[in-house]
């Protein structure tokens, strides 16, 4: 699904923090939480919709 393309931002931030020793500001954590909740909400709604059609 294309909704998982949003996770590339989290991977890039994680790589920057782990590999390049970049600082992790609070707004990156908040943004990451928003991305994860959006992906989770979209996949949960999609799964619910598929279950209703079966």
N, C-alpha and C. Protein backbone atom coordinates (compact mmCIF):
# COMPACT_ATOMS: atom_id res chain seq x y z
N UNK A 1 0.83 -1.19 0.00
CA UNK A 1 0.00 0.00 0.00
C UNK A 1 0.87 1.24 0.00
N UNK A 2 0.37 2.27 -0.62
CA UNK A 2 1.15 3.50 -0.71
C UNK A 2 1.18 4.26 0.62
N UNK A 3 0.32 3.92 1.55
CA UNK A 3 0.33 4.62 2.84
C UNK A 3 1.63 4.36 3.59
N UNK A 4 2.28 3.23 3.31
CA UNK A 4 3.53 2.91 3.99
C UNK A 4 4.70 3.75 3.49
N UNK A 5 4.52 4.49 2.39
CA UNK A 5 5.56 5.40 1.93
C UNK A 5 5.85 6.48 2.97
N UNK A 6 4.90 6.77 3.83
CA UNK A 6 5.10 7.75 4.88
C UNK A 6 6.14 7.29 5.90
N UNK A 7 6.37 6.01 5.98
CA UNK A 7 7.33 5.48 6.94
C UNK A 7 8.77 5.76 6.54
N UNK A 8 9.03 6.15 5.30
CA UNK A 8 10.39 6.45 4.89
C UNK A 8 10.97 7.62 5.68
N UNK A 9 10.12 8.54 6.07
CA UNK A 9 10.57 9.66 6.90
C UNK A 9 11.08 9.15 8.25
N UNK A 10 10.37 8.23 8.85
CA UNK A 10 10.81 7.67 10.13
C UNK A 10 12.12 6.91 9.99
N UNK A 11 12.27 6.19 8.89
CA UNK A 11 13.50 5.44 8.67
C UNK A 11 14.67 6.40 8.50
N UNK A 12 14.45 7.49 7.77
CA UNK A 12 15.51 8.48 7.57
C UNK A 12 15.92 9.13 8.88
N UNK A 13 14.94 9.47 9.71
CA UNK A 13 15.25 10.09 11.01
C UNK A 13 15.98 9.09 11.90
N UNK A 14 15.53 7.85 11.92
CA UNK A 14 16.18 6.83 12.74
C UNK A 14 17.62 6.61 12.28
N UNK A 15 17.84 6.58 10.98
CA UNK A 15 19.20 6.41 10.46
C UNK A 15 20.08 7.59 10.83
N UNK A 16 19.54 8.79 10.75
CA UNK A 16 20.32 9.98 11.10
C UNK A 16 20.71 9.96 12.57
N UNK A 17 19.80 9.53 13.41
CA UNK A 17 20.09 9.50 14.85
C UNK A 17 21.08 8.38 15.17
N UNK A 18 20.88 7.21 14.60
CA UNK A 18 21.72 6.06 14.95
C UNK A 18 23.08 6.08 14.26
N UNK A 19 23.11 6.45 12.99
CA UNK A 19 24.36 6.38 12.24
C UNK A 19 25.16 7.67 12.34
N UNK A 20 24.48 8.80 12.16
CA UNK A 20 25.18 10.08 12.13
C UNK A 20 25.24 10.78 13.48
N UNK A 21 24.63 10.17 14.49
CA UNK A 21 24.61 10.73 15.85
C UNK A 21 23.97 12.13 15.88
N UNK A 22 22.95 12.33 15.05
CA UNK A 22 22.21 13.59 15.05
C UNK A 22 21.32 13.65 16.29
N UNK A 23 21.04 14.85 16.79
CA UNK A 23 20.11 14.96 17.92
C UNK A 23 18.68 14.65 17.47
N UNK A 24 17.88 14.21 18.42
CA UNK A 24 16.48 13.90 18.13
C UNK A 24 15.60 14.93 18.83
N UNK A 25 15.17 15.98 18.11
CA UNK A 25 14.33 17.01 18.73
C UNK A 25 12.94 16.47 19.05
N UNK A 26 12.28 17.13 19.97
CA UNK A 26 10.95 16.69 20.40
C UNK A 26 9.95 16.71 19.26
N UNK A 27 10.09 17.66 18.33
CA UNK A 27 9.10 17.76 17.25
C UNK A 27 9.26 16.61 16.25
N UNK A 28 10.42 15.98 16.17
CA UNK A 28 10.56 14.79 15.33
C UNK A 28 9.84 13.61 15.99
N UNK A 29 9.90 13.55 17.30
CA UNK A 29 9.18 12.48 18.02
C UNK A 29 7.67 12.66 17.85
N UNK A 30 7.19 13.89 17.98
CA UNK A 30 5.76 14.15 17.80
C UNK A 30 5.34 13.84 16.37
N UNK A 31 6.15 14.26 15.40
CA UNK A 31 5.84 13.97 14.00
C UNK A 31 5.83 12.48 13.72
N UNK A 32 6.77 11.76 14.31
CA UNK A 32 6.80 10.31 14.15
C UNK A 32 5.57 9.64 14.73
N UNK A 33 5.13 10.13 15.88
CA UNK A 33 3.91 9.57 16.49
C UNK A 33 2.70 9.84 15.60
N UNK A 34 2.64 11.02 15.00
CA UNK A 34 1.53 11.33 14.10
C UNK A 34 1.56 10.46 12.84
N UNK A 35 2.76 10.23 12.31
CA UNK A 35 2.88 9.36 11.14
C UNK A 35 2.44 7.94 11.47
N UNK A 36 2.92 7.42 12.59
CA UNK A 36 2.56 6.05 12.99
C UNK A 36 1.06 5.93 13.23
N UNK A 37 0.47 6.93 13.90
CA UNK A 37 -0.97 6.86 14.15
C UNK A 37 -1.76 6.96 12.85
N UNK A 38 -1.27 7.75 11.90
CA UNK A 38 -1.95 7.85 10.61
C UNK A 38 -1.88 6.55 9.82
N UNK A 39 -0.72 5.93 9.81
CA UNK A 39 -0.58 4.65 9.11
C UNK A 39 -1.42 3.58 9.79
N UNK A 40 -1.37 3.55 11.11
CA UNK A 40 -2.16 2.57 11.85
C UNK A 40 -3.66 2.78 11.60
N UNK A 41 -4.11 4.03 11.68
CA UNK A 41 -5.52 4.32 11.47
C UNK A 41 -5.99 3.96 10.07
N UNK A 42 -5.15 4.23 9.09
CA UNK A 42 -5.51 3.91 7.71
C UNK A 42 -5.59 2.41 7.49
N UNK A 43 -4.62 1.67 8.00
CA UNK A 43 -4.64 0.22 7.80
C UNK A 43 -5.75 -0.43 8.62
N UNK A 44 -6.04 0.11 9.80
CA UNK A 44 -7.13 -0.46 10.61
C UNK A 44 -8.47 -0.21 9.93
N UNK A 45 -8.66 0.99 9.39
CA UNK A 45 -9.91 1.28 8.69
C UNK A 45 -10.05 0.45 7.44
N UNK A 46 -8.93 0.24 6.75
CA UNK A 46 -8.95 -0.58 5.54
C UNK A 46 -9.28 -2.04 5.88
N UNK A 47 -8.71 -2.56 6.94
CA UNK A 47 -8.98 -3.93 7.35
C UNK A 47 -10.43 -4.09 7.79
N UNK A 48 -10.95 -3.09 8.46
CA UNK A 48 -12.35 -3.12 8.91
C UNK A 48 -13.28 -3.12 7.70
N UNK A 49 -12.94 -2.32 6.70
CA UNK A 49 -13.75 -2.26 5.49
C UNK A 49 -13.73 -3.57 4.73
N UNK A 50 -12.57 -4.22 4.68
CA UNK A 50 -12.48 -5.52 3.99
C UNK A 50 -13.25 -6.58 4.74
N UNK A 51 -13.25 -6.53 6.07
CA UNK A 51 -13.98 -7.54 6.85
C UNK A 51 -15.49 -7.38 6.66
N UNK A 52 -15.95 -6.14 6.49
CA UNK A 52 -17.37 -5.91 6.29
C UNK A 52 -17.86 -6.37 4.92
N UNK A 53 -16.98 -6.40 3.94
CA UNK A 53 -17.36 -6.82 2.59
C UNK A 53 -17.38 -8.32 2.44
N UNK A 54 -16.69 -9.04 3.29
CA UNK A 54 -16.58 -10.50 3.14
C UNK A 54 -17.82 -11.20 3.57
